[in-house]
Amino acid sequence: MSKPLIATMILTLLSATILADERTRQQVVKAPEHEINQAPASRFSGDAQFSRFPTMSSPGDVAPATVTFEAGTITNWHIHPHGQYLIVTDGEGRTQEWGKPIQTLQEGDVVICPPGVKHWHGASEHRSMTHIAISPVSPDGQGVTWLEEVELPDPKSTTPDQPEAPTPVTLTEKQLSLIPIAAFSAIGDTEKLKPALVQGLESGLTVNEIKEAFAHQYAYAGFPRALTGMLTFRSLLEERRENGIEDVQGKEPSQLPDSTDYYQLGSETLEYLTDRTMEEASQPLFGNFSPTMDHALKAHLFGYLFSRNNLGYLERELVVVGTLSAIGDVNPQLHSHLTITQNLVVDPEQMERIMATLEKNVGKNVARNARGVLRDIQLP
């Protein structure tokens, strides 16, 4: 038998093996990986694009559904006898095939689950998730076989597959540009705010991310400063538009269901940010001294505002650090938020970049005070 023929047979067998493997394992196609095709101009009145998914064989009807999982909610282990598509339309989720690692799902991701694959799916630990589920149904009406509950690992435990310490983040110029924007807005310096906004846009911040930064800031600097910052930003965008500059709008935040318990969600957010137990995070922040303030902080700030997912937790904390550093005379609060920033896996090297950004863009005195607060946190 000739060598070329042997090589051809090996490649054929390998291709068949790969194809068989793809048909028996769950696949996650991330949103940026979809193959985009241009719709034919002969059938559409304007530009349109589409992405095709693999065809699912169906013994009968197909049952589509929209499912919304509250934060932390997941399914039991289960099997779809005829397979299933999941299309994430909002929020952040998780999925896992039996014996394989948990995978994170974002808006636009698609899960292709072949027939007979044992798996689960649902929301992420701290954010809700909505997906469209498309499942073929057998003639007897069965589209799913439910199995046992999922036993998730304790997020605070360590195992060989879960490193003892998460990988520290490396702050981007886009993230760091939020700091001077927040600082100049907090002190009402609109002359310095405008170039800071331009720098933010040029570093990759979208219009909606900057708008969200001002919305978050009002909880710390008050409506007058945050509104002035927002109006300054609107005026800048109009000027740029007149000069032919169209800035990227970015995504709108998703909306949680009207039934959302924002006080409970705020307690869960505090548990995550401050590394407390849920019992500790659920306690009134001021005992019985000010239930009103406790509710406002947990339900509105840490519940509602933090649930708006077009600005991440770390980005929100950078806004707060810039705000409190510039305001001054609020070192106890600055201490808390620098601690939270470190809890979000920002190591000493990256914390120094935050301090350097304050010094270069806002002022040496502001940075000197923030560094003093940071040293108090880092002392053993």
Protein backbone atom coordinates (compact mmCIF):
# COMPACT_ATOMS: atom_id res chain seq x y z
CA MET A 1 0.00 0.00 0.00
CA SER A 2 1.44 3.38 -1.00
CA LYS A 3 2.41 6.01 1.57
CA PRO A 4 0.04 8.67 0.10
CA LEU A 5 -2.86 6.23 0.37
CA ILE A 6 -1.96 5.39 3.96
CA ALA A 7 -1.75 9.10 4.79
CA THR A 8 -5.14 9.70 3.19
CA MET A 9 -6.69 6.88 5.23
CA ILE A 10 -5.23 8.26 8.47
CA LEU A 11 -6.58 11.75 7.74
CA THR A 12 -9.98 10.28 6.94
CA LEU A 13 -10.04 8.35 10.21
CA LEU A 14 -8.91 11.42 12.18
CA SER A 15 -11.61 13.57 10.54
CA ALA A 16 -14.25 10.98 11.36
CA THR A 17 -13.02 10.81 14.97
CA ILE A 18 -13.10 14.61 15.34
CA LEU A 19 -16.58 14.79 13.81
CA ALA A 20 -17.82 12.04 16.11
CA ASP A 21 -16.34 13.82 19.12
CA GLU A 22 -18.07 17.09 18.15
CA ARG A 23 -21.38 15.23 17.93
CA THR A 24 -21.05 13.79 21.44
CA ARG A 25 -19.83 16.78 23.44
CA GLN A 26 -21.31 20.09 24.38
CA GLN A 27 -19.94 23.06 22.44
CA VAL A 28 -19.96 26.71 23.46
CA VAL A 29 -19.68 29.15 20.56
CA LYS A 30 -18.67 32.54 21.96
CA ALA A 31 -20.41 35.57 20.48
CA PRO A 32 -17.34 36.93 18.62
CA GLU A 33 -16.76 33.50 17.03
CA HIS A 34 -20.04 33.31 15.09
CA GLU A 35 -19.50 33.04 11.36
CA ILE A 36 -21.25 36.12 9.96
CA ASN A 37 -22.72 35.86 6.47
CA GLN A 38 -24.07 38.70 4.36
CA ALA A 39 -27.72 38.29 3.43
CA PRO A 40 -28.37 38.30 -0.33
CA ALA A 41 -29.31 41.76 -1.64
CA SER A 42 -31.90 40.17 -3.96
CA ARG A 43 -34.00 39.15 -0.95
CA PHE A 44 -33.41 41.98 1.56
CA SER A 45 -34.12 45.69 1.27
CA GLY A 46 -30.86 46.67 2.98
CA ASP A 47 -27.80 45.30 4.75
CA ALA A 48 -28.42 42.25 6.92
CA GLN A 49 -26.20 39.52 8.33
CA PHE A 50 -26.95 36.05 9.60
CA SER A 51 -25.21 33.16 11.36
CA ARG A 52 -26.27 29.58 10.85
CA PHE A 53 -26.08 26.89 13.53
CA PRO A 54 -25.74 23.15 12.83
CA THR A 55 -29.02 21.44 11.95
CA MET A 56 -30.69 19.48 14.75
CA SER A 57 -32.61 16.40 13.72
CA SER A 58 -36.11 16.34 15.20
CA PRO A 59 -38.42 13.36 15.67
CA GLY A 60 -41.41 15.65 16.03
CA ASP A 61 -42.25 19.09 17.37
CA VAL A 62 -39.63 21.62 18.47
CA ALA A 63 -40.26 23.42 21.77
CA PRO A 64 -38.70 26.91 22.03
CA ALA A 65 -38.75 28.78 25.35
CA THR A 66 -37.25 31.83 27.04
CA VAL A 67 -35.86 31.14 30.50
CA THR A 68 -34.63 33.74 33.02
CA PHE A 69 -32.44 32.55 35.90
CA GLU A 70 -32.00 34.77 38.95
CA ALA A 71 -28.41 35.20 40.12
CA GLY A 72 -27.06 31.91 41.51
CA THR A 73 -29.90 29.79 40.11
CA ILE A 74 -28.96 26.74 38.04
CA THR A 75 -30.69 23.59 36.77
CA ASN A 76 -30.18 20.05 37.98
CA TRP A 77 -28.05 17.74 35.89
CA HIS A 78 -30.13 16.66 32.90
CA ILE A 79 -30.06 15.11 29.43
CA HIS A 80 -31.87 16.10 26.25
CA PRO A 81 -32.63 12.91 24.30
CA HIS A 82 -32.66 14.86 21.04
CA GLY A 83 -30.25 17.71 21.90
CA GLN A 84 -30.77 21.41 22.56
CA TYR A 85 -29.65 24.91 21.57
CA LEU A 86 -29.22 27.61 24.21
CA ILE A 87 -28.87 31.21 22.97
CA VAL A 88 -27.89 33.66 25.71
CA THR A 89 -29.81 36.92 25.24
CA ASP A 90 -28.99 38.75 28.45
CA GLY A 91 -26.78 38.67 31.52
CA GLU A 92 -24.10 36.14 32.45
CA GLY A 93 -24.44 32.41 32.91
CA ARG A 94 -22.65 29.12 33.43
CA THR A 95 -22.80 25.64 31.91
CA GLN A 96 -20.96 22.40 32.52
CA GLU A 97 -20.82 19.03 30.80
CA TRP A 98 -20.38 16.03 33.08
CA GLY A 99 -16.72 15.52 33.90
CA LYS A 100 -15.57 18.81 32.35
CA PRO A 101 -14.89 22.34 33.67
CA ILE A 102 -17.59 24.96 34.19
CA GLN A 103 -17.77 27.48 31.34
CA THR A 104 -18.94 31.10 31.58
CA LEU A 105 -21.63 32.33 29.19
CA GLN A 106 -22.13 35.91 28.01
CA GLU A 107 -24.78 37.65 25.93
CA GLY A 108 -24.67 36.32 22.35
CA ASP A 109 -23.00 33.00 23.24
CA VAL A 110 -24.60 29.79 21.94
CA VAL A 111 -24.48 26.36 23.59
CA ILE A 112 -24.92 23.38 21.28
CA CYS A 113 -25.80 20.33 23.35
CA PRO A 114 -25.94 17.03 21.42
CA PRO A 115 -28.38 14.25 22.31
CA GLY A 116 -27.62 12.31 25.49
CA VAL A 117 -24.98 14.69 26.93
CA LYS A 118 -25.32 15.11 30.71
CA HIS A 119 -25.00 18.79 31.66
CA TRP A 120 -26.44 21.71 33.60
CA HIS A 121 -26.76 25.44 32.97
CA GLY A 122 -27.98 28.59 34.70
CA ALA A 123 -27.05 32.05 35.96
CA SER A 124 -23.64 33.09 37.23
CA GLU A 125 -23.08 33.42 40.94
CA HIS A 126 -23.84 37.14 41.11
CA ARG A 127 -25.72 37.98 37.90
CA SER A 128 -28.95 36.82 36.30
CA MET A 129 -29.08 35.22 32.86
CA THR A 130 -31.76 34.86 30.19
CA HIS A 131 -31.53 32.40 27.33
CA ILE A 132 -33.68 31.04 24.55
CA ALA A 133 -33.86 27.25 24.68
CA ILE A 134 -34.74 25.27 21.55
CA SER A 135 -35.35 21.57 22.13
CA PRO A 136 -36.76 18.88 19.82
CA VAL A 137 -39.51 16.88 21.50
CA SER A 138 -40.13 13.17 20.91
CA PRO A 139 -43.62 11.96 19.93
CA ASP A 140 -44.29 11.00 23.58
CA GLY A 141 -43.71 14.64 24.59
CA GLN A 142 -40.34 14.09 26.26
CA GLY A 143 -37.69 16.73 25.62
CA VAL A 144 -35.57 16.37 28.78
CA THR A 145 -34.60 13.74 31.36
CA TRP A 146 -34.00 15.30 34.78
CA LEU A 147 -31.30 13.91 37.06
CA GLU A 148 -29.68 14.74 40.42
CA GLU A 149 -28.92 18.20 41.85
CA VAL A 150 -25.58 19.80 41.04
CA GLU A 151 -23.02 19.93 43.85
CA LEU A 152 -20.99 23.06 43.11
CA PRO A 153 -17.62 23.51 44.79
CA ASP A 154 -17.41 26.00 47.63
CA PRO A 155 -16.11 29.18 45.91
CA LYS A 156 -13.91 29.87 48.93
CA SER A 157 -12.36 26.38 49.01
CA THR A 158 -9.23 25.37 47.16
CA THR A 159 -8.81 22.29 45.01
CA PRO A 160 -6.14 21.23 42.51
CA ASP A 161 -8.35 22.59 39.71
CA GLN A 162 -9.03 25.86 41.53
CA PRO A 163 -5.91 27.95 42.19
CA GLU A 164 -5.45 29.21 45.72
CA ALA A 165 -5.33 32.80 44.47
CA PRO A 166 -7.05 34.10 41.32
CA THR A 167 -4.85 35.61 38.66
CA PRO A 168 -4.48 39.36 39.35
CA VAL A 169 -5.98 41.70 36.80
CA THR A 170 -3.91 43.99 34.61
CA LEU A 171 -5.66 47.33 34.42
CA THR A 172 -6.14 48.75 30.94
CA GLU A 173 -5.82 52.38 29.92
CA LYS A 174 -9.55 52.27 29.26
CA GLN A 175 -10.23 51.32 32.89
CA LEU A 176 -7.73 53.81 34.30
CA SER A 177 -9.26 56.64 32.26
CA LEU A 178 -12.36 56.42 34.48
CA ILE A 179 -10.37 57.76 37.44
CA PRO A 180 -9.73 61.36 36.23
CA ILE A 181 -13.24 61.53 34.74
CA ALA A 182 -14.71 60.70 38.14
CA ALA A 183 -12.29 62.96 40.00
CA PHE A 184 -12.91 66.13 37.96
CA SER A 185 -16.65 65.52 37.94
CA ALA A 186 -16.63 65.10 41.73
CA ILE A 187 -15.03 68.50 42.29
CA GLY A 188 -16.96 70.23 39.50
CA ASP A 189 -13.91 71.13 37.39
CA THR A 190 -15.57 71.00 33.97
CA GLU A 191 -12.55 72.54 32.21
CA LYS A 192 -10.38 69.57 33.15
CA LEU A 193 -13.28 67.13 32.85
CA LYS A 194 -13.67 67.67 29.09
CA PRO A 195 -10.13 66.53 28.10
CA ALA A 196 -10.45 63.65 30.57
CA LEU A 197 -13.63 62.59 28.77
CA VAL A 198 -11.90 62.83 25.40
CA GLN A 199 -9.07 60.67 26.72
CA GLY A 200 -11.61 58.16 27.99
CA LEU A 201 -13.35 57.92 24.63
CA GLU A 202 -10.03 57.58 22.82
CA SER A 203 -9.01 54.84 25.26
CA GLY A 204 -12.06 52.78 24.33
CA LEU A 205 -14.79 53.81 26.76
CA THR A 206 -18.21 53.83 25.13
CA VAL A 207 -20.79 56.57 25.53
CA ASN A 208 -23.01 54.34 27.66
CA GLU A 209 -20.12 53.29 29.91
CA ILE A 210 -19.29 56.92 30.67
CA LYS A 211 -22.96 57.75 31.23
CA GLU A 212 -23.15 54.82 33.62
CA ALA A 213 -20.07 56.10 35.45
CA PHE A 214 -21.88 59.38 36.18
CA ALA A 215 -25.02 57.49 37.21
CA HIS A 216 -22.95 55.44 39.66
CA GLN A 217 -21.08 58.49 40.92
CA TYR A 218 -24.15 60.33 42.18
CA ALA A 219 -24.35 57.87 45.11
CA TYR A 220 -20.97 59.21 46.29
CA ALA A 221 -20.74 62.81 45.04
CA GLY A 222 -24.43 63.74 44.91
CA PHE A 223 -26.75 64.57 42.04
CA PRO A 224 -25.48 68.16 41.46
CA ARG A 225 -21.94 67.02 40.62
CA ALA A 226 -22.99 63.90 38.70
CA LEU A 227 -25.58 65.82 36.66
CA THR A 228 -23.08 68.54 35.87
CA GLY A 229 -20.66 65.86 34.69
CA MET A 230 -23.36 64.24 32.57
CA LEU A 231 -24.37 67.55 30.98
CA THR A 232 -20.71 68.37 30.26
CA PHE A 233 -20.40 65.01 28.56
CA ARG A 234 -23.53 65.58 26.48
CA SER A 235 -22.20 68.95 25.34
CA LEU A 236 -18.85 67.38 24.40
CA LEU A 237 -20.57 64.67 22.35
CA GLU A 238 -22.54 67.31 20.44
CA GLU A 239 -19.32 69.20 19.66
CA ARG A 240 -17.63 66.01 18.46
CA ARG A 241 -20.64 65.10 16.32
CA GLU A 242 -20.56 68.52 14.66
CA ASN A 243 -16.90 67.86 13.86
CA GLY A 244 -17.77 64.55 12.23
CA ILE A 245 -16.77 62.32 15.14
CA GLU A 246 -19.26 59.55 15.88
CA ASP A 247 -18.49 57.92 19.22
CA VAL A 248 -19.35 54.30 19.96
CA GLN A 249 -22.59 54.10 21.96
CA GLY A 250 -21.97 50.70 23.54
CA LYS A 251 -24.56 48.41 25.03
CA GLU A 252 -27.44 49.40 27.24
CA PRO A 253 -27.64 47.73 30.65
CA SER A 254 -29.95 44.76 30.96
CA GLN A 255 -33.04 45.07 33.14
CA LEU A 256 -33.80 42.64 35.94
CA PRO A 257 -37.39 41.44 36.47
CA ASP A 258 -39.75 43.76 38.37
CA SER A 259 -39.94 41.14 41.12
CA THR A 260 -36.20 41.46 41.92
CA ASP A 261 -35.46 41.84 45.63
CA TYR A 262 -32.78 44.53 45.34
CA TYR A 263 -32.12 44.59 49.08
CA GLN A 264 -31.25 40.89 49.01
CA LEU A 265 -29.24 41.37 45.81
CA GLY A 266 -27.36 44.25 47.46
CA SER A 267 -26.51 42.05 50.43
CA GLU A 268 -25.17 39.39 48.05
CA THR A 269 -23.11 42.02 46.22
CA LEU A 270 -21.63 43.22 49.52
CA GLU A 271 -20.81 39.62 50.44
CA TYR A 272 -18.87 39.31 47.20
CA LEU A 273 -17.13 42.69 47.27
CA THR A 274 -16.13 42.70 50.93
CA ASP A 275 -15.37 38.98 51.32
CA ARG A 276 -17.82 38.74 54.23
CA THR A 277 -20.13 35.85 55.01
CA MET A 278 -23.73 36.20 53.85
CA GLU A 279 -24.80 36.42 57.49
CA GLU A 280 -22.48 39.37 58.04
CA ALA A 281 -23.44 41.11 54.79
CA SER A 282 -27.16 40.80 55.64
CA GLN A 283 -26.81 42.68 58.91
CA PRO A 284 -27.99 46.34 58.92
CA LEU A 285 -25.00 48.55 58.12
CA PHE A 286 -25.72 50.89 61.03
CA GLY A 287 -27.49 48.53 63.40
CA ASN A 288 -30.91 50.04 64.09
CA PHE A 289 -29.57 53.59 63.93
CA SER A 290 -30.63 54.36 60.33
CA PRO A 291 -32.72 51.70 58.54
CA THR A 292 -33.38 54.24 55.78
CA MET A 293 -29.69 54.66 54.97
CA ASP A 294 -29.15 50.91 55.19
CA HIS A 295 -31.94 50.29 52.67
CA ALA A 296 -30.73 53.03 50.31
CA LEU A 297 -27.19 51.67 50.27
CA LYS A 298 -28.08 48.00 49.91
CA ALA A 299 -31.20 48.12 47.72
CA HIS A 300 -30.32 51.05 45.48
CA LEU A 301 -26.53 51.32 45.39
CA PHE A 302 -25.27 47.76 45.84
CA GLY A 303 -28.47 46.18 44.53
CA TYR A 304 -29.87 48.23 41.65
CA LEU A 305 -26.82 50.17 40.43
CA PHE A 306 -24.42 47.22 40.65
CA SER A 307 -26.92 45.07 38.72
CA ARG A 308 -26.62 47.33 35.66
CA ASN A 309 -24.23 45.23 33.65
CA ASN A 310 -22.80 47.72 31.15
CA LEU A 311 -20.16 48.72 33.71
CA GLY A 312 -18.35 46.03 35.70
CA TYR A 313 -17.74 45.88 39.44
CA LEU A 314 -14.07 46.84 39.08
CA GLU A 315 -14.89 49.77 36.79
CA ARG A 316 -17.46 51.00 39.31
CA GLU A 317 -14.90 50.83 42.10
CA LEU A 318 -12.40 52.83 40.02
CA VAL A 319 -15.09 55.48 39.61
CA VAL A 320 -15.60 55.53 43.38
CA VAL A 321 -11.87 55.65 44.13
CA GLY A 322 -11.45 58.60 41.75
CA THR A 323 -14.47 60.33 43.28
CA LEU A 324 -13.54 59.89 46.94
CA SER A 325 -9.86 60.68 46.36
CA ALA A 326 -10.76 64.00 44.74
CA ILE A 327 -13.41 64.99 47.29
CA GLY A 328 -11.01 64.57 50.20
CA ASP A 329 -11.79 64.32 53.93
CA VAL A 330 -13.58 60.99 53.42
CA ASN A 331 -10.70 58.65 54.20
CA PRO A 332 -12.79 56.00 56.03
CA GLN A 333 -14.89 55.53 52.87
CA LEU A 334 -11.78 55.68 50.66
CA HIS A 335 -10.22 53.01 52.89
CA SER A 336 -13.26 50.76 52.33
CA HIS A 337 -13.24 51.14 48.56
CA LEU A 338 -9.50 50.72 48.15
CA THR A 339 -9.95 47.49 50.10
CA ILE A 340 -12.77 46.40 47.79
CA THR A 341 -10.59 47.22 44.77
CA GLN A 342 -7.90 44.90 46.15
CA ASN A 343 -10.56 42.23 46.79
CA LEU A 344 -11.32 42.38 43.06
CA VAL A 345 -7.86 40.89 42.47
CA VAL A 346 -5.96 44.14 41.92
CA ASP A 347 -2.45 43.45 43.23
CA PRO A 348 -0.01 46.02 44.71
CA GLU A 349 1.61 46.69 41.33
CA GLN A 350 -1.73 47.57 39.75
CA MET A 351 -2.82 49.56 42.83
CA GLU A 352 0.30 51.67 42.31
CA ARG A 353 -0.85 52.32 38.73
CA ILE A 354 -4.09 53.70 40.18
CA MET A 355 -2.07 55.96 42.48
CA ALA A 356 0.15 57.04 39.58
CA THR A 357 -2.94 57.88 37.51
CA LEU A 358 -4.23 60.07 40.35
CA GLU A 359 -0.86 61.81 40.66
CA LYS A 360 -0.39 62.42 36.93
CA ASN A 361 -3.94 63.43 36.05
CA VAL A 362 -5.54 64.81 39.21
CA GLY A 363 -2.82 66.10 41.53
CA LYS A 364 0.08 65.18 43.80
CA ASN A 365 -1.76 66.05 47.01
CA VAL A 366 -4.72 63.87 46.04
CA ALA A 367 -2.39 60.97 45.25
CA ARG A 368 -0.36 61.50 48.43
CA ASN A 369 -3.46 61.19 50.59
CA ALA A 370 -4.71 58.11 48.69
CA ARG A 371 -1.30 56.44 49.02
CA GLY A 372 -1.38 57.06 52.78
CA VAL A 373 -4.77 55.35 53.05
CA LEU A 374 -3.52 52.47 50.89
CA ARG A 375 -0.44 52.02 53.12
CA ASP A 376 -2.69 51.68 56.17
CA ILE A 377 -4.56 48.86 54.39
CA GLN A 378 -1.42 47.04 53.32
CA LEU A 379 0.33 47.19 56.71
CA PRO A 380 0.22 43.83 58.53
